[in-house]
C-alpha atoms as a PDB file:
ATOM      1  CA  MET A   1      96.894 -12.059-146.152  1.00  0.00           C
ATOM      2  CA  ALA A   2      99.101  -9.594-145.944  1.00  0.00           C
ATOM      3  CA  ASP A   3      97.188  -8.149-142.337  1.00  0.00           C
ATOM      4  CA  LEU A   4      98.550 -10.957-141.314  1.00  0.00           C
ATOM      5  CA  PRO A   5     102.325 -10.201-139.273  1.00  0.00           C
ATOM      6  CA  ILE A   6     105.549 -12.541-140.449  1.00  0.00           C
ATOM      7  CA  LEU A   7     106.719 -15.297-137.372  1.00  0.00           C
ATOM      8  CA  PRO A   8     108.551 -18.162-137.436  1.00  0.00           C
ATOM      9  CA  GLY A   9     107.474 -20.610-138.936  1.00  0.00           C
ATOM     10  CA  SER A  10     105.675 -18.240-142.334  1.00  0.00           C
ATOM     11  CA  THR A  11     105.661 -19.722-145.530  1.00  0.00           C
ATOM     12  CA  VAL A  12     106.469 -15.455-146.843  1.00  0.00           C
ATOM     13  CA  VAL A  13     108.191 -14.924-151.073  1.00  0.00           C
ATOM     14  CA  VAL A  14     110.349 -11.924-151.553  1.00  0.00           C
ATOM     15  CA  ARG A  15     109.647  -8.984-153.091  1.00  0.00           C
ATOM     16  CA  ASP A  16     112.279  -7.178-154.020  1.00  0.00           C
ATOM     17  CA  GLY A  17     113.438  -6.269-158.132  1.00  0.00           C
ATOM     18  CA  ARG A  18     116.798  -6.049-156.849  1.00  0.00           C
ATOM     19  CA  SER A  19     116.838  -9.823-155.129  1.00  0.00           C
ATOM     20  CA  ILE A  20     118.391 -12.302-156.643  1.00  0.00           C
ATOM     21  CA  TYR A  21     116.028 -13.761-154.270  1.00  0.00           C
ATOM     22  CA  ASN A  22     113.011 -12.138-155.097  1.00  0.00           C
ATOM     23  CA  GLY A  23     109.589 -14.188-156.391  1.00  0.00           C
ATOM     24  CA  TYR A  24     112.031 -17.831-154.123  1.00  0.00           C
ATOM     25  CA  ARG A  25     109.007 -19.156-151.521  1.00  0.00           C
ATOM     26  CA  GLY A  26     110.636 -19.704-148.348  1.00  0.00           C
ATOM     27  CA  PHE A  27     109.989 -20.415-144.100  1.00  0.00           C
ATOM     28  CA  VAL A  28     110.722 -17.877-141.802  1.00  0.00           C
ATOM     29  CA  GLN A  29     113.178 -19.258-139.220  1.00  0.00           C
ATOM     30  CA  ARG A  30     113.107 -16.977-136.634  1.00  0.00           C
ATOM     31  CA  ILE A  31     113.616 -12.843-135.924  1.00  0.00           C
ATOM     32  CA  SER A  32     115.018 -10.474-134.615  1.00  0.00           C
ATOM     33  CA  GLY A  33     114.344  -6.532-134.853  1.00  0.00           C
ATOM     34  CA  GLN A  34     113.677  -5.486-137.807  1.00  0.00           C
ATOM     35  CA  GLN A  35     114.972  -9.432-140.414  1.00  0.00           C
ATOM     36  CA  ALA A  36     114.083 -12.313-140.920  1.00  0.00           C
ATOM     37  CA  ALA A  37     116.268 -15.296-141.283  1.00  0.00           C
ATOM     38  CA  VAL A  38     114.309 -17.234-143.921  1.00  0.00           C
ATOM     39  CA  LEU A  39     115.190 -21.398-145.521  1.00  0.00           C
ATOM     40  CA  PHE A  40     114.877 -21.811-148.878  1.00  0.00           C
ATOM     41  CA  GLU A  41     114.827 -24.416-150.013  1.00  0.00           C
ATOM     42  CA  GLY A  42     115.712 -25.964-153.404  1.00  0.00           C
ATOM     43  CA  GLY A  43     116.782 -29.189-154.833  1.00  0.00           C
ATOM     44  CA  ASN A  44     119.156 -30.593-154.376  1.00  0.00           C
ATOM     45  CA  TRP A  45     120.238 -26.622-151.642  1.00  0.00           C
ATOM     46  CA  ASP A  46     119.177 -25.023-149.046  1.00  0.00           C
ATOM     47  CA  LYS A  47     120.349 -21.077-147.733  1.00  0.00           C
ATOM     48  CA  LEU A  48     119.453 -19.411-144.946  1.00  0.00           C
ATOM     49  CA  VAL A  49     119.407 -15.804-146.330  1.00  0.00           C
ATOM     50  CA  THR A  50     118.282 -12.949-143.737  1.00  0.00           C
ATOM     51  CA  MET A  51     116.470 -10.455-145.052  1.00  0.00           C
ATOM     52  CA  PRO A  52     114.678  -6.919-143.850  1.00  0.00           C
ATOM     53  CA  LEU A  53     110.881  -7.935-143.100  1.00  0.00           C
ATOM     54  CA  LYS A  54     109.535  -5.142-145.555  1.00  0.00           C
ATOM     55  CA  LEU A  55     110.621  -6.795-147.838  1.00  0.00           C
ATOM     56  CA  LEU A  56     108.720 -10.472-148.046  1.00  0.00           C
ATOM     57  CA  GLU A  57     104.678 -10.430-148.349  1.00  0.00           C
ATOM     58  CA  GLN A  58     102.949 -13.495-146.183  1.00  0.00           C
ATOM     59  CA  ALA A  59     102.617 -16.320-148.810  1.00  0.00           C
END
């Protein structure tokens, strides 16, 4: 699936060994330039984080 573009609504996985979100799966909410706002949900918490598209992989 690496050939598919990452668009709002896409499910993505973070691939950055330096990030605390490495391996987390989230949903792209919006894209601005080379940044994506990704919503992570986990039990009783939700977190919206902006990160570079190059660190995201289509799930």
